[in-house]
Amino acid sequence: TQFRTRNNDLVTVPNSMISKESFINYSSPSRVSGRLVEVGVDYRH
């Protein structure tokens, strides 16, 4: 399986490795994906 990284590098991974490892599909079951952003704020607010 081949995929392109954010730096536009082409990475080739043997299928046997993919079948043995866990991976995350951000486009399934839909293209809607949740994101988390954390921020620290002063106690006085």
PDB file of all heavy atoms in Angstrom:
ATOM      1  N   THR A   1       0.856  -1.185   0.000  1.00  0.00           N
ATOM      2  CA  THR A   1       0.000   0.000   0.000  1.00  0.00           C
ATOM      3  C   THR A   1       0.891   1.234   0.000  1.00  0.00           C
ATOM      4  O   THR A   1       1.862   1.298   0.758  1.00  0.00           O
ATOM      5  CB  THR A   1      -0.923   0.023   1.229  1.00  0.00           C
ATOM      6  OG1 THR A   1      -1.804  -1.108   1.172  1.00  0.00           O
ATOM      7  CG2 THR A   1      -1.745   1.300   1.278  1.00  0.00           C
ATOM      8  N   GLN A   2       0.548   2.205  -0.831  1.00  0.00           N
ATOM      9  CA  GLN A   2       1.299   3.445  -0.907  1.00  0.00           C
ATOM     10  C   GLN A   2       0.426   4.606  -0.433  1.00  0.00           C
ATOM     11  O   GLN A   2      -0.761   4.659  -0.739  1.00  0.00           O
ATOM     12  CB  GLN A   2       1.775   3.724  -2.334  1.00  0.00           C
ATOM     13  CG  GLN A   2       2.799   2.727  -2.866  1.00  0.00           C
ATOM     14  CD  GLN A   2       3.233   3.079  -4.274  1.00  0.00           C
ATOM     15  OE1 GLN A   2       2.447   3.589  -5.072  1.00  0.00           O
ATOM     16  NE2 GLN A   2       4.493   2.814  -4.594  1.00  0.00           N
ATOM     17  N   PHE A   3       1.009   5.517   0.327  1.00  0.00           N
ATOM     18  CA  PHE A   3       0.298   6.739   0.681  1.00  0.00           C
ATOM     19  C   PHE A   3       1.285   7.894   0.762  1.00  0.00           C
ATOM     20  O   PHE A   3       2.475   7.704   1.002  1.00  0.00           O
ATOM     21  CB  PHE A   3      -0.499   6.590   1.977  1.00  0.00           C
ATOM     22  CG  PHE A   3       0.307   6.211   3.187  1.00  0.00           C
ATOM     23  CD1 PHE A   3       0.788   7.181   4.041  1.00  0.00           C
ATOM     24  CD2 PHE A   3       0.553   4.877   3.483  1.00  0.00           C
ATOM     25  CE1 PHE A   3       1.507   6.845   5.164  1.00  0.00           C
ATOM     26  CE2 PHE A   3       1.277   4.531   4.615  1.00  0.00           C
ATOM     27  CZ  PHE A   3       1.755   5.515   5.448  1.00  0.00           C
ATOM     28  N   ARG A   4       0.758   9.115   0.547  1.00  0.00           N
ATOM     29  CA  ARG A   4       1.577  10.323   0.561  1.00  0.00           C
ATOM     30  C   ARG A   4       1.421  11.040   1.893  1.00  0.00           C
ATOM     31  O   ARG A   4       0.310  11.239   2.367  1.00  0.00           O
ATOM     32  CB  ARG A   4       1.196  11.263  -0.589  1.00  0.00           C
ATOM     33  CG  ARG A   4       1.594  10.753  -1.949  1.00  0.00           C
ATOM     34  CD  ARG A   4       1.554  11.839  -3.012  1.00  0.00           C
ATOM     35  NE  ARG A   4       2.034  11.346  -4.288  1.00  0.00           N
ATOM     36  CZ  ARG A   4       3.313  11.274  -4.635  1.00  0.00           C
ATOM     37  NH1 ARG A   4       4.238  11.701  -3.773  1.00  0.00           N
ATOM     38  NH2 ARG A   4       3.672  10.808  -5.804  1.00  0.00           N
ATOM     39  N   THR A   5       2.546  11.432   2.456  1.00  0.00           N
ATOM     40  CA  THR A   5       2.540  12.132   3.737  1.00  0.00           C
ATOM     41  C   THR A   5       2.245  13.615   3.518  1.00  0.00           C
ATOM     42  O   THR A   5       2.123  14.083   2.382  1.00  0.00           O
ATOM     43  CB  THR A   5       3.899  11.980   4.438  1.00  0.00           C
ATOM     44  OG1 THR A   5       4.904  12.663   3.673  1.00  0.00           O
ATOM     45  CG2 THR A   5       4.273  10.514   4.561  1.00  0.00           C
ATOM     46  N   ARG A   6       2.146  14.370   4.607  1.00  0.00           N
ATOM     47  CA  ARG A   6       1.894  15.812   4.503  1.00  0.00           C
ATOM     48  C   ARG A   6       3.044  16.538   3.823  1.00  0.00           C
ATOM     49  O   ARG A   6       2.870  17.636   3.291  1.00  0.00           O
ATOM     50  CB  ARG A   6       1.655  16.402   5.896  1.00  0.00           C
ATOM     51  CG  ARG A   6       0.393  15.884   6.550  1.00  0.00           C
ATOM     52  CD  ARG A   6       0.075  16.643   7.813  1.00  0.00           C
ATOM     53  NE  ARG A   6      -1.116  16.091   8.448  1.00  0.00           N
ATOM     54  CZ  ARG A   6      -2.359  16.396   8.112  1.00  0.00           C
ATOM     55  NH1 ARG A   6      -2.551  17.281   7.137  1.00  0.00           N
ATOM     56  NH2 ARG A   6      -3.386  15.853   8.724  1.00  0.00           N
ATOM     57  N   ASN A   7       4.234  15.931   3.845  1.00  0.00           N
ATOM     58  CA  ASN A   7       5.387  16.523   3.171  1.00  0.00           C
ATOM     59  C   ASN A   7       5.492  16.082   1.714  1.00  0.00           C
ATOM     60  O   ASN A   7       6.515  16.298   1.070  1.00  0.00           O
ATOM     61  CB  ASN A   7       6.672  16.166   3.911  1.00  0.00           C
ATOM     62  CG  ASN A   7       6.725  16.764   5.302  1.00  0.00           C
ATOM     63  OD1 ASN A   7       6.184  17.837   5.534  1.00  0.00           O
ATOM     64  ND2 ASN A   7       7.363  16.065   6.230  1.00  0.00           N
ATOM     65  N   ASN A   8       4.428  15.404   1.218  1.00  0.00           N
ATOM     66  CA  ASN A   8       4.360  14.927  -0.165  1.00  0.00           C
ATOM     67  C   ASN A   8       5.378  13.826  -0.457  1.00  0.00           C
ATOM     68  O   ASN A   8       5.791  13.628  -1.597  1.00  0.00           O
ATOM     69  CB  ASN A   8       4.560  16.088  -1.155  1.00  0.00           C
ATOM     70  CG  ASN A   8       3.945  15.783  -2.509  1.00  0.00           C
ATOM     71  OD1 ASN A   8       2.917  15.116  -2.593  1.00  0.00           O
ATOM     72  ND2 ASN A   8       4.570  16.256  -3.572  1.00  0.00           N
ATOM     73  N   ASP A   9       5.799  13.105   0.602  1.00  0.00           N
ATOM     74  CA  ASP A   9       6.676  11.949   0.418  1.00  0.00           C
ATOM     75  C   ASP A   9       5.822  10.707   0.183  1.00  0.00           C
ATOM     76  O   ASP A   9       4.798  10.511   0.851  1.00  0.00           O
ATOM     77  CB  ASP A   9       7.559  11.741   1.647  1.00  0.00           C
ATOM     78  CG  ASP A   9       8.462  12.932   1.919  1.00  0.00           C
ATOM     79  OD1 ASP A   9       8.942  13.524   0.937  1.00  0.00           O
ATOM     80  OD2 ASP A   9       8.684  13.261   3.101  1.00  0.00           O
ATOM     81  N   LEU A  10       6.250   9.869  -0.745  1.00  0.00           N
ATOM     82  CA  LEU A  10       5.530   8.631  -1.051  1.00  0.00           C
ATOM     83  C   LEU A  10       6.085   7.496  -0.194  1.00  0.00           C
ATOM     84  O   LEU A  10       7.272   7.163  -0.269  1.00  0.00           O
ATOM     85  CB  LEU A  10       5.664   8.288  -2.540  1.00  0.00           C
ATOM     86  CG  LEU A  10       4.845   7.083  -3.023  1.00  0.00           C
ATOM     87  CD1 LEU A  10       3.358   7.370  -2.888  1.00  0.00           C
ATOM     88  CD2 LEU A  10       5.194   6.761  -4.473  1.00  0.00           C
ATOM     89  N   VAL A  11       5.239   6.917   0.637  1.00  0.00           N
ATOM     90  CA  VAL A  11       5.634   5.833   1.536  1.00  0.00           C
ATOM     91  C   VAL A  11       4.998   4.538   1.057  1.00  0.00           C
ATOM     92  O   VAL A  11       3.786   4.490   0.794  1.00  0.00           O
ATOM     93  CB  VAL A  11       5.207   6.133   2.987  1.00  0.00           C
ATOM     94  CG1 VAL A  11       5.573   4.974   3.907  1.00  0.00           C
ATOM     95  CG2 VAL A  11       5.853   7.415   3.468  1.00  0.00           C
ATOM     96  N   THR A  12       5.795   3.477   0.934  1.00  0.00           N
ATOM     97  CA  THR A  12       5.306   2.158   0.532  1.00  0.00           C
ATOM     98  C   THR A  12       5.422   1.200   1.710  1.00  0.00           C
ATOM     99  O   THR A  12       6.523   1.023   2.262  1.00  0.00           O
ATOM    100  CB  THR A  12       6.110   1.611  -0.663  1.00  0.00           C
ATOM    101  OG1 THR A  12       6.001   2.521  -1.763  1.00  0.00           O
ATOM    102  CG2 THR A  12       5.566   0.244  -1.095  1.00  0.00           C
ATOM    103  N   VAL A  13       4.305   0.609   2.103  1.00  0.00           N
ATOM    104  CA  VAL A  13       4.267  -0.290   3.260  1.00  0.00           C
ATOM    105  C   VAL A  13       3.774  -1.656   2.796  1.00  0.00           C
ATOM    106  O   VAL A  13       2.705  -1.747   2.168  1.00  0.00           O
ATOM    107  CB  VAL A  13       3.337   0.254   4.359  1.00  0.00           C
ATOM    108  CG1 VAL A  13       3.315  -0.680   5.559  1.00  0.00           C
ATOM    109  CG2 VAL A  13       3.771   1.651   4.786  1.00  0.00           C
ATOM    110  N   PRO A  14       4.528  -2.744   3.047  1.00  0.00           N
ATOM    111  CA  PRO A  14       4.046  -4.080   2.691  1.00  0.00           C
ATOM    112  C   PRO A  14       2.705  -4.379   3.361  1.00  0.00           C
ATOM    113  O   PRO A  14       2.480  -4.013   4.513  1.00  0.00           O
ATOM    114  CB  PRO A  14       5.155  -5.014   3.205  1.00  0.00           C
ATOM    115  CG  PRO A  14       6.378  -4.150   3.286  1.00  0.00           C
ATOM    116  CD  PRO A  14       5.879  -2.786   3.649  1.00  0.00           C
ATOM    117  N   ASN A  15       1.843  -5.062   2.606  1.00  0.00           N
ATOM    118  CA  ASN A  15       0.512  -5.364   3.145  1.00  0.00           C
ATOM    119  C   ASN A  15       0.565  -6.235   4.390  1.00  0.00           C
ATOM    120  O   ASN A  15      -0.302  -6.148   5.260  1.00  0.00           O
ATOM    121  CB  ASN A  15      -0.343  -6.031   2.071  1.00  0.00           C
ATOM    122  CG  ASN A  15      -0.743  -5.065   0.981  1.00  0.00           C
ATOM    123  OD1 ASN A  15      -0.886  -3.875   1.234  1.00  0.00           O
ATOM    124  ND2 ASN A  15      -0.914  -5.556  -0.234  1.00  0.00           N
ATOM    125  N   SER A  16       1.591  -7.101   4.472  1.00  0.00           N
ATOM    126  CA  SER A  16       1.691  -7.970   5.646  1.00  0.00           C
ATOM    127  C   SER A  16       1.906  -7.156   6.912  1.00  0.00           C
ATOM    128  O   SER A  16       1.419  -7.516   7.988  1.00  0.00           O
ATOM    129  CB  SER A  16       2.844  -8.974   5.463  1.00  0.00           C
ATOM    130  OG  SER A  16       4.076  -8.292   5.268  1.00  0.00           O
ATOM    131  N   MET A  17       2.615  -6.028   6.810  1.00  0.00           N
ATOM    132  CA  MET A  17       2.827  -5.170   7.978  1.00  0.00           C
ATOM    133  C   MET A  17       1.524  -4.486   8.378  1.00  0.00           C
ATOM    134  O   MET A  17       1.201  -4.381   9.565  1.00  0.00           O
ATOM    135  CB  MET A  17       3.902  -4.115   7.675  1.00  0.00           C
ATOM    136  CG  MET A  17       5.306  -4.679   7.542  1.00  0.00           C
ATOM    137  SD  MET A  17       6.516  -3.358   7.274  1.00  0.00           S
ATOM    138  CE  MET A  17       6.294  -2.398   8.757  1.00  0.00           C
ATOM    139  N   ILE A  18       0.768  -4.007   7.382  1.00  0.00           N
ATOM    140  CA  ILE A  18      -0.488  -3.329   7.692  1.00  0.00           C
ATOM    141  C   ILE A  18      -1.476  -4.283   8.343  1.00  0.00           C
ATOM    142  O   ILE A  18      -2.221  -3.910   9.252  1.00  0.00           O
ATOM    143  CB  ILE A  18      -1.086  -2.718   6.408  1.00  0.00           C
ATOM    144  CG1 ILE A  18      -0.177  -1.609   5.889  1.00  0.00           C
ATOM    145  CG2 ILE A  18      -2.491  -2.174   6.658  1.00  0.00           C
ATOM    146  CD1 ILE A  18      -0.690  -0.917   4.655  1.00  0.00           C
ATOM    147  N   SER A  19      -1.479  -5.538   7.888  1.00  0.00           N
ATOM    148  CA  SER A  19      -2.429  -6.508   8.446  1.00  0.00           C
ATOM    149  C   SER A  19      -2.103  -6.871   9.886  1.00  0.00           C
ATOM    150  O   SER A  19      -2.968  -7.349  10.617  1.00  0.00           O
ATOM    151  CB  SER A  19      -2.436  -7.776   7.584  1.00  0.00           C
ATOM    152  OG  SER A  19      -1.171  -8.429   7.632  1.00  0.00           O
ATOM    153  N   LYS A  20      -0.863  -6.612  10.320  1.00  0.00           N
ATOM    154  CA  LYS A  20      -0.459  -6.961  11.681  1.00  0.00           C
ATOM    155  C   LYS A  20      -0.570  -5.786  12.651  1.00  0.00           C
ATOM    156  O   LYS A  20      -0.530  -5.985  13.862  1.00  0.00           O
ATOM    157  CB  LYS A  20       0.989  -7.470  11.690  1.00  0.00           C
ATOM    158  CG  LYS A  20       1.195  -8.761  10.917  1.00  0.00           C
ATOM    159  CD  LYS A  20       2.668  -9.140  10.899  1.00  0.00           C
ATOM    160  CE  LYS A  20       2.919 -10.398  10.070  1.00  0.00           C
ATOM    161  NZ  LYS A  20       4.356 -10.727  10.002  1.00  0.00           N
ATOM    162  N   GLU A  21      -0.661  -4.561  12.128  1.00  0.00           N
ATOM    163  CA  GLU A  21      -0.648  -3.374  12.967  1.00  0.00           C
ATOM    164  C   GLU A  21      -2.015  -2.690  12.974  1.00  0.00           C
ATOM    165  O   GLU A  21      -2.828  -2.869  12.080  1.00  0.00           O
ATOM    166  CB  GLU A  21       0.414  -2.379  12.469  1.00  0.00           C
ATOM    167  CG  GLU A  21       1.834  -2.912  12.498  1.00  0.00           C
ATOM    168  CD  GLU A  21       2.371  -3.019  13.914  1.00  0.00           C
ATOM    169  OE1 GLU A  21       1.800  -2.350  14.808  1.00  0.00           O
ATOM    170  OE2 GLU A  21       3.347  -3.772  14.122  1.00  0.00           O
ATOM    171  N   SER A  22      -2.233  -1.857  14.002  1.00  0.00           N
ATOM    172  CA  SER A  22      -3.439  -1.037  14.058  1.00  0.00           C
ATOM    173  C   SER A  22      -3.210   0.266  13.293  1.00  0.00           C
ATOM    174  O   SER A  22      -2.098   0.793  13.268  1.00  0.00           O
ATOM    175  CB  SER A  22      -3.802  -0.704  15.513  1.00  0.00           C
ATOM    176  OG  SER A  22      -4.042  -1.890  16.251  1.00  0.00           O
ATOM    177  N   PHE A  23      -4.242   0.774  12.666  1.00  0.00           N
ATOM    178  CA  PHE A  23      -4.152   2.057  11.972  1.00  0.00           C
ATOM    179  C   PHE A  23      -5.477   2.789  12.156  1.00  0.00           C
ATOM    180  O   PHE A  23      -6.500   2.190  12.488  1.00  0.00           O
ATOM    181  CB  PHE A  23      -3.808   1.865  10.484  1.00  0.00           C
ATOM    182  CG  PHE A  23      -4.825   1.084   9.710  1.00  0.00           C
ATOM    183  CD1 PHE A  23      -5.928   1.707   9.129  1.00  0.00           C
ATOM    184  CD2 PHE A  23      -4.689  -0.288   9.552  1.00  0.00           C
ATOM    185  CE1 PHE A  23      -6.865   0.986   8.426  1.00  0.00           C
ATOM    186  CE2 PHE A  23      -5.625  -1.010   8.851  1.00  0.00           C
ATOM    187  CZ  PHE A  23      -6.717  -0.377   8.283  1.00  0.00           C
ATOM    188  N   ILE A  24      -5.444   4.098  11.944  1.00  0.00           N
ATOM    189  CA  ILE A  24      -6.631   4.944  12.086  1.00  0.00           C
ATOM    190  C   ILE A  24      -7.021   5.467  10.712  1.00  0.00           C
ATOM    191  O   ILE A  24      -6.178   6.001   9.995  1.00  0.00           O
ATOM    192  CB  ILE A  24      -6.370   6.124  13.036  1.00  0.00           C
ATOM    193  CG1 ILE A  24      -5.953   5.624  14.415  1.00  0.00           C
ATOM    194  CG2 ILE A  24      -7.608   7.022  13.144  1.00  0.00           C
ATOM    195  CD1 ILE A  24      -5.557   6.745  15.368  1.00  0.00           C
ATOM    196  N   ASN A  25      -8.288   5.323  10.368  1.00  0.00           N
ATOM    197  CA  ASN A  25      -8.818   5.872   9.127  1.00  0.00           C
ATOM    198  C   ASN A  25      -9.650   7.107   9.488  1.00  0.00           C
ATOM    199  O   ASN A  25     -10.731   6.997  10.055  1.00  0.00           O
ATOM    200  CB  ASN A  25      -9.676   4.844   8.392  1.00  0.00           C
ATOM    201  CG  ASN A  25     -10.083   5.314   7.004  1.00  0.00           C
ATOM    202  OD1 ASN A  25     -10.025   6.509   6.699  1.00  0.00           O
ATOM    203  ND2 ASN A  25     -10.474   4.386   6.151  1.00  0.00           N
ATOM    204  N   TYR A  26      -9.128   8.306   9.141  1.00  0.00           N
ATOM    205  CA  TYR A  26      -9.810   9.546   9.475  1.00  0.00           C
ATOM    206  C   TYR A  26     -10.942   9.878   8.516  1.00  0.00           C
ATOM    207  O   TYR A  26     -11.666  10.853   8.724  1.00  0.00           O
ATOM    208  CB  TYR A  26      -8.807  10.706   9.483  1.00  0.00           C
ATOM    209  CG  TYR A  26      -7.731  10.564  10.534  1.00  0.00           C
ATOM    210  CD1 TYR A  26      -6.441  10.171  10.179  1.00  0.00           C
ATOM    211  CD2 TYR A  26      -7.999  10.819  11.870  1.00  0.00           C
ATOM    212  CE1 TYR A  26      -5.447  10.038  11.147  1.00  0.00           C
ATOM    213  CE2 TYR A  26      -7.019  10.695  12.843  1.00  0.00           C
ATOM    214  CZ  TYR A  26      -5.740  10.296  12.463  1.00  0.00           C
ATOM    215  OH  TYR A  26      -4.763  10.160  13.417  1.00  0.00           O
ATOM    216  N   SER A  27     -11.084   9.088   7.453  1.00  0.00           N
ATOM    217  CA  SER A  27     -12.114   9.356   6.441  1.00  0.00           C
ATOM    218  C   SER A  27     -13.273   8.383   6.497  1.00  0.00           C
ATOM    219  O   SER A  27     -14.157   8.415   5.642  1.00  0.00           O
ATOM    220  CB  SER A  27     -11.478   9.319   5.042  1.00  0.00           C
ATOM    221  OG  SER A  27     -10.408  10.220   4.929  1.00  0.00           O
ATOM    222  N   SER A  28     -13.296   7.497   7.492  1.00  0.00           N
ATOM    223  CA  SER A  28     -14.345   6.493   7.590  1.00  0.00           C
ATOM    224  C   SER A  28     -14.825   6.418   9.038  1.00  0.00           C
ATOM    225  O   SER A  28     -14.013   6.552   9.973  1.00  0.00           O
ATOM    226  CB  SER A  28     -13.817   5.134   7.143  1.00  0.00           C
ATOM    227  OG  SER A  28     -14.803   4.143   7.228  1.00  0.00           O
ATOM    228  N   PRO A  29     -16.114   6.246   9.260  1.00  0.00           N
ATOM    229  CA  PRO A  29     -17.201   5.977   8.287  1.00  0.00           C
ATOM    230  C   PRO A  29     -17.666   7.208   7.511  1.00  0.00           C
ATOM    231  O   PRO A  29     -18.428   7.088   6.578  1.00  0.00           O
ATOM    232  CB  PRO A  29     -18.323   5.441   9.169  1.00  0.00           C
ATOM    233  CG  PRO A  29     -18.099   6.108  10.490  1.00  0.00           C
ATOM    234  CD  PRO A  29     -16.616   6.207  10.643  1.00  0.00           C
ATOM    235  N   SER A  30     -17.232   8.427   7.935  1.00  0.00           N
ATOM    236  CA  SER A  30     -17.527   9.636   7.166  1.00  0.00           C
ATOM    237  C   SER A  30     -16.303  10.528   7.226  1.00  0.00           C
ATOM    238  O   SER A  30     -15.359  10.282   7.987  1.00  0.00           O
ATOM    239  CB  SER A  30     -18.757  10.368   7.719  1.00  0.00           C
ATOM    240  OG  SER A  30     -18.442  10.998   8.947  1.00  0.00           O
ATOM    241  N   ARG A  31     -16.302  11.590   6.445  1.00  0.00           N
ATOM    242  CA  ARG A  31     -15.161  12.503   6.409  1.00  0.00           C
ATOM    243  C   ARG A  31     -15.201  13.507   7.565  1.00  0.00           C
ATOM    244  O   ARG A  31     -14.286  14.317   7.720  1.00  0.00           O
ATOM    245  CB  ARG A  31     -15.101  13.230   5.062  1.00  0.00           C
ATOM    246  CG  ARG A  31     -15.107  12.292   3.863  1.00  0.00           C
ATOM    247  CD  ARG A  31     -14.695  13.002   2.600  1.00  0.00           C
ATOM    248  NE  ARG A  31     -13.262  13.183   2.538  1.00  0.00           N
ATOM    249  CZ  ARG A  31     -12.401  12.261   2.094  1.00  0.00           C
ATOM    250  NH1 ARG A  31     -12.844  11.079   1.673  1.00  0.00           N
ATOM    251  NH2 ARG A  31     -11.113  12.506   2.074  1.00  0.00           N
ATOM    252  N   VAL A  32     -16.263  13.465   8.364  1.00  0.00           N
ATOM    253  CA  VAL A  32     -16.369  14.349   9.526  1.00  0.00           C
ATOM    254  C   VAL A  32     -15.517  13.782  10.656  1.00  0.00           C
ATOM    255  O   VAL A  32     -15.681  12.630  11.055  1.00  0.00           O
ATOM    256  CB  VAL A  32     -17.830  14.501   9.972  1.00  0.00           C
ATOM    257  CG1 VAL A  32     -17.914  15.335  11.240  1.00  0.00           C
ATOM    258  CG2 VAL A  32     -18.658  15.133   8.860  1.00  0.00           C
ATOM    259  N   SER A  33     -14.610  14.621  11.151  1.00  0.00           N
ATOM    260  CA  SER A  33     -13.673  14.171  12.184  1.00  0.00           C
ATOM    261  C   SER A  33     -13.624  15.195  13.302  1.00  0.00           C
ATOM    262  O   SER A  33     -13.606  16.409  13.060  1.00  0.00           O
ATOM    263  CB  SER A  33     -12.270  13.984  11.586  1.00  0.00           C
ATOM    264  OG  SER A  33     -11.322  13.629  12.575  1.00  0.00           O
ATOM    265  N   GLY A  34     -13.627  14.721  14.545  1.00  0.00           N
ATOM    266  CA  GLY A  34     -13.551  15.615  15.695  1.00  0.00           C
ATOM    267  C   GLY A  34     -12.111  15.916  16.070  1.00  0.00           C
ATOM    268  O   GLY A  34     -11.232  15.057  15.972  1.00  0.00           O
ATOM    269  N   ARG A  35     -11.862  17.159  16.491  1.00  0.00           N
ATOM    270  CA  ARG A  35     -10.527  17.570  16.907  1.00  0.00           C
ATOM    271  C   ARG A  35     -10.593  18.165  18.307  1.00  0.00           C
ATOM    272  O   ARG A  35     -11.589  18.786  18.697  1.00  0.00           O
ATOM    273  CB  ARG A  35      -9.939  18.615  15.950  1.00  0.00           C
ATOM    274  CG  ARG A  35      -9.955  18.201  14.502  1.00  0.00           C
ATOM    275  CD  ARG A  35      -9.260  16.871  14.270  1.00  0.00           C
ATOM    276  NE  ARG A  35      -7.876  16.887  14.706  1.00  0.00           N
ATOM    277  CZ  ARG A  35      -7.140  15.782  14.844  1.00  0.00           C
ATOM    278  NH1 ARG A  35      -7.678  14.589  14.626  1.00  0.00           N
ATOM    279  NH2 ARG A  35      -5.886  15.886  15.233  1.00  0.00           N
ATOM    280  N   LEU A  36      -9.526  17.989  19.066  1.00  0.00           N
ATOM    281  CA  LEU A  36      -9.441  18.498  20.430  1.00  0.00           C
ATOM    282  C   LEU A  36      -8.314  19.508  20.535  1.00  0.00           C
ATOM    283  O   LEU A  36      -7.195  19.253  20.080  1.00  0.00           O
ATOM    284  CB  LEU A  36      -9.199  17.360  21.417  1.00  0.00           C
ATOM    285  CG  LEU A  36     -10.300  16.297  21.545  1.00  0.00           C
ATOM    286  CD1 LEU A  36      -9.851  15.186  22.490  1.00  0.00           C
ATOM    287  CD2 LEU A  36     -11.588  16.923  22.044  1.00  0.00           C
ATOM    288  N   VAL A  37      -8.620  20.660  21.097  1.00  0.00           N
ATOM    289  CA  VAL A  37      -7.613  21.694  21.355  1.00  0.00           C
ATOM    290  C   VAL A  37      -7.697  22.052  22.836  1.00  0.00           C
ATOM    291  O   VAL A  37      -8.783  22.339  23.341  1.00  0.00           O
ATOM    292  CB  VAL A  37      -7.847  22.945  20.486  1.00  0.00           C
ATOM    293  CG1 VAL A  37      -6.867  24.054  20.876  1.00  0.00           C
ATOM    294  CG2 VAL A  37      -7.700  22.609  19.009  1.00  0.00           C
ATOM    295  N   GLU A  38      -6.568  22.038  23.523  1.00  0.00           N
ATOM    296  CA  GLU A  38      -6.539  22.363  24.942  1.00  0.00           C
ATOM    297  C   GLU A  38      -5.851  23.712  25.153  1.00  0.00           C
ATOM    298  O   GLU A  38      -4.898  24.056  24.447  1.00  0.00           O
ATOM    299  CB  GLU A  38      -5.805  21.280  25.731  1.00  0.00           C
ATOM    300  CG  GLU A  38      -6.554  19.949  25.756  1.00  0.00           C
ATOM    301  CD  GLU A  38      -5.903  18.935  26.663  1.00  0.00           C
ATOM    302  OE1 GLU A  38      -4.847  19.270  27.268  1.00  0.00           O
ATOM    303  OE2 GLU A  38      -6.429  17.820  26.792  1.00  0.00           O
ATOM    304  N   VAL A  39      -6.353  24.460  26.126  1.00  0.00           N
ATOM    305  CA  VAL A  39      -5.782  25.770  26.444  1.00  0.00           C
ATOM    306  C   VAL A  39      -5.901  26.001  27.937  1.00  0.00           C
ATOM    307  O   VAL A  39      -6.909  25.658  28.559  1.00  0.00           O
ATOM    308  CB  VAL A  39      -6.497  26.889  25.648  1.00  0.00           C
ATOM    309  CG1 VAL A  39      -7.978  26.923  25.958  1.00  0.00           C
ATOM    310  CG2 VAL A  39      -5.865  28.244  25.915  1.00  0.00           C
ATOM    311  N   GLY A  40      -4.857  26.571  28.508  1.00  0.00           N
ATOM    312  CA  GLY A  40      -4.852  26.891  29.932  1.00  0.00           C
ATOM    313  C   GLY A  40      -5.153  28.361  30.157  1.00  0.00           C
ATOM    314  O   GLY A  40      -4.635  29.231  29.450  1.00  0.00           O
ATOM    315  N   VAL A  41      -5.989  28.654  31.146  1.00  0.00           N
ATOM    316  CA  VAL A  41      -6.447  30.020  31.417  1.00  0.00           C
ATOM    317  C   VAL A  41      -6.241  30.331  32.900  1.00  0.00           C
ATOM    318  O   VAL A  41      -6.324  29.447  33.755  1.00  0.00           O
ATOM    319  CB  VAL A  41      -7.934  30.174  31.019  1.00  0.00           C
ATOM    320  CG1 VAL A  41      -8.456  31.541  31.401  1.00  0.00           C
ATOM    321  CG2 VAL A  41      -8.106  29.956  29.525  1.00  0.00           C
ATOM    322  N   ASP A  42      -5.995  31.602  33.178  1.00  0.00           N
ATOM    323  CA  ASP A  42      -5.783  32.045  34.553  1.00  0.00           C
ATOM    324  C   ASP A  42      -7.002  31.728  35.434  1.00  0.00           C
ATOM    325  O   ASP A  42      -8.146  31.801  34.986  1.00  0.00           O
ATOM    326  CB  ASP A  42      -5.521  33.550  34.554  1.00  0.00           C
ATOM    327  CG  ASP A  42      -4.967  34.029  35.885  1.00  0.00           C
ATOM    328  OD1 ASP A  42      -5.757  34.116  36.849  1.00  0.00           O
ATOM    329  OD2 ASP A  42      -3.764  34.308  35.948  1.00  0.00           O
ATOM    330  N   TYR A  43      -6.746  31.421  36.707  1.00  0.00           N
ATOM    331  CA  TYR A  43      -7.802  31.049  37.648  1.00  0.00           C
ATOM    332  C   TYR A  43      -8.810  32.171  37.900  1.00  0.00           C
ATOM    333  O   TYR A  43      -9.940  31.916  38.302  1.00  0.00           O
ATOM    334  CB  TYR A  43      -7.180  30.619  38.987  1.00  0.00           C
ATOM    335  CG  TYR A  43      -6.869  29.146  39.058  1.00  0.00           C
ATOM    336  CD1 TYR A  43      -5.627  28.662  38.655  1.00  0.00           C
ATOM    337  CD2 TYR A  43      -7.813  28.230  39.535  1.00  0.00           C
ATOM    338  CE1 TYR A  43      -5.324  27.318  38.720  1.00  0.00           C
ATOM    339  CE2 TYR A  43      -7.518  26.878  39.604  1.00  0.00           C
ATOM    340  CZ  TYR A  43      -6.274  26.421  39.198  1.00  0.00           C
ATOM    341  OH  TYR A  43      -5.993  25.091  39.260  1.00  0.00           O
ATOM    342  N   ARG A  44      -8.422  33.429  37.678  1.00  0.00           N
ATOM    343  CA  ARG A  44      -9.313  34.530  38.031  1.00  0.00           C
ATOM    344  C   ARG A  44     -10.485  34.682  37.069  1.00  0.00           C
ATOM    345  O   ARG A  44     -11.415  35.428  37.339  1.00  0.00           O
ATOM    346  CB  ARG A  44      -8.530  35.840  38.076  1.00  0.00           C
ATOM    347  CG  ARG A  44      -7.917  36.272  36.752  1.00  0.00           C
ATOM    348  CD  ARG A  44      -6.960  37.446  36.963  1.00  0.00           C
ATOM    349  NE  ARG A  44      -6.288  37.828  35.739  1.00  0.00           N
ATOM    350  CZ  ARG A  44      -6.725  38.759  34.913  1.00  0.00           C
ATOM    351  NH1 ARG A  44      -7.852  39.393  35.188  1.00  0.00           N
ATOM    352  NH2 ARG A  44      -6.050  39.071  33.825  1.00  0.00           N
ATOM    353  N   HIS A  45     -10.473  33.979  35.940  1.00  0.00           N
ATOM    354  CA  HIS A  45     -11.562  34.084  34.967  1.00  0.00           C
ATOM    355  C   HIS A  45     -12.591  32.986  35.219  1.00  0.00           C
ATOM    356  O   HIS A  45     -12.238  31.814  35.396  1.00  0.00           O
ATOM    357  CB  HIS A  45     -11.024  33.967  33.543  1.00  0.00           C
ATOM    358  CG  HIS A  45      -9.945  34.958  33.224  1.00  0.00           C
ATOM    359  ND1 HIS A  45     -10.166  36.315  33.228  1.00  0.00           N
ATOM    360  CD2 HIS A  45      -8.634  34.783  32.915  1.00  0.00           C
ATOM    361  CE1 HIS A  45      -9.047  36.940  32.916  1.00  0.00           C
ATOM    362  NE2 HIS A  45      -8.095  36.037  32.733  1.00  0.00           N
TER     363      HIS A  45
END
